[in-house]
Amino acid sequence: METHRYQRLKGTPRTGTFEGRELPAWQIEVTGGGRVWYLLDEQRRTVWLTHAGTGHPKTTE
């Protein structure tokens, strides 16, 4: 479920590849600029972290 701090990524980073499988990419807004990006692997009930930082990633701009 999306909220203003928990949302699916848009554009190019909307999906990511892990071990040859394409997975949906999500982000959590930790602070005004800080983000944690991850791939959601429902099959394994796992998330794979792809980015954690204090500034807004330029990839989504």
Protein backbone atom coordinates (compact mmCIF):
# COMPACT_ATOMS: atom_id res chain seq x y z
CA MET A 1 0.00 0.00 0.00
CA GLU A 2 1.45 3.35 -1.02
CA THR A 3 1.61 6.33 1.32
CA HIS A 4 3.45 9.66 1.00
CA ARG A 5 6.59 8.04 2.53
CA TYR A 6 6.27 4.52 1.06
CA GLN A 7 5.86 4.31 -2.70
CA ARG A 8 6.65 2.46 -5.89
CA LEU A 9 9.44 4.05 -7.93
CA LYS A 10 8.50 5.64 -11.25
CA GLY A 11 10.26 5.87 -14.60
CA THR A 12 13.47 3.98 -15.35
CA PRO A 13 14.08 2.63 -11.81
CA ARG A 14 10.50 1.23 -11.60
CA THR A 15 11.95 -2.30 -11.68
CA GLY A 16 15.31 -3.86 -10.96
CA THR A 17 16.99 -7.15 -11.72
CA PHE A 18 18.23 -9.53 -9.05
CA GLU A 19 19.59 -12.99 -9.89
CA GLY A 20 18.10 -12.72 -13.38
CA ARG A 21 14.59 -11.86 -12.20
CA GLU A 22 12.89 -8.50 -12.72
CA LEU A 23 11.39 -7.23 -9.46
CA PRO A 24 9.33 -4.14 -8.56
CA ALA A 25 11.37 -1.30 -7.05
CA TRP A 26 10.06 0.66 -4.05
CA GLN A 27 11.31 3.44 -1.79
CA ILE A 28 10.82 4.59 1.76
CA GLU A 29 11.30 8.28 2.48
CA VAL A 30 13.15 8.24 5.79
CA THR A 31 13.65 12.02 6.07
CA GLY A 32 12.95 14.99 3.79
CA GLY A 33 15.80 13.91 1.52
CA GLY A 34 16.85 10.49 2.81
CA ARG A 35 15.68 7.45 0.90
CA VAL A 36 15.95 3.68 1.10
CA TRP A 37 15.37 1.88 -2.20
CA TYR A 38 14.69 -1.83 -2.40
CA LEU A 39 13.45 -4.57 -4.68
CA LEU A 40 10.41 -6.49 -3.46
CA ASP A 41 10.84 -10.24 -3.88
CA GLU A 42 7.42 -11.63 -2.96
CA GLN A 43 8.37 -15.17 -4.03
CA ARG A 44 11.12 -15.31 -1.37
CA ARG A 45 9.37 -12.92 1.05
CA THR A 46 12.51 -10.80 0.96
CA VAL A 47 13.55 -7.26 0.16
CA TRP A 48 16.90 -6.54 -1.53
CA LEU A 49 18.33 -3.13 -0.62
CA THR A 50 19.67 -1.23 -3.62
CA HIS A 51 20.28 2.26 -2.19
CA ALA A 52 20.31 4.00 1.18
CA GLY A 53 21.31 7.63 1.42
CA THR A 54 20.76 10.95 3.14
CA GLY A 55 20.17 12.89 -0.09
CA HIS A 56 17.47 12.50 -2.71
CA PRO A 57 18.77 10.18 -5.49
CA LYS A 58 19.10 12.08 -8.79
CA THR A 59 17.94 9.01 -10.77
CA THR A 60 14.27 9.91 -10.23
CA GLU A 61 14.53 13.56 -11.30
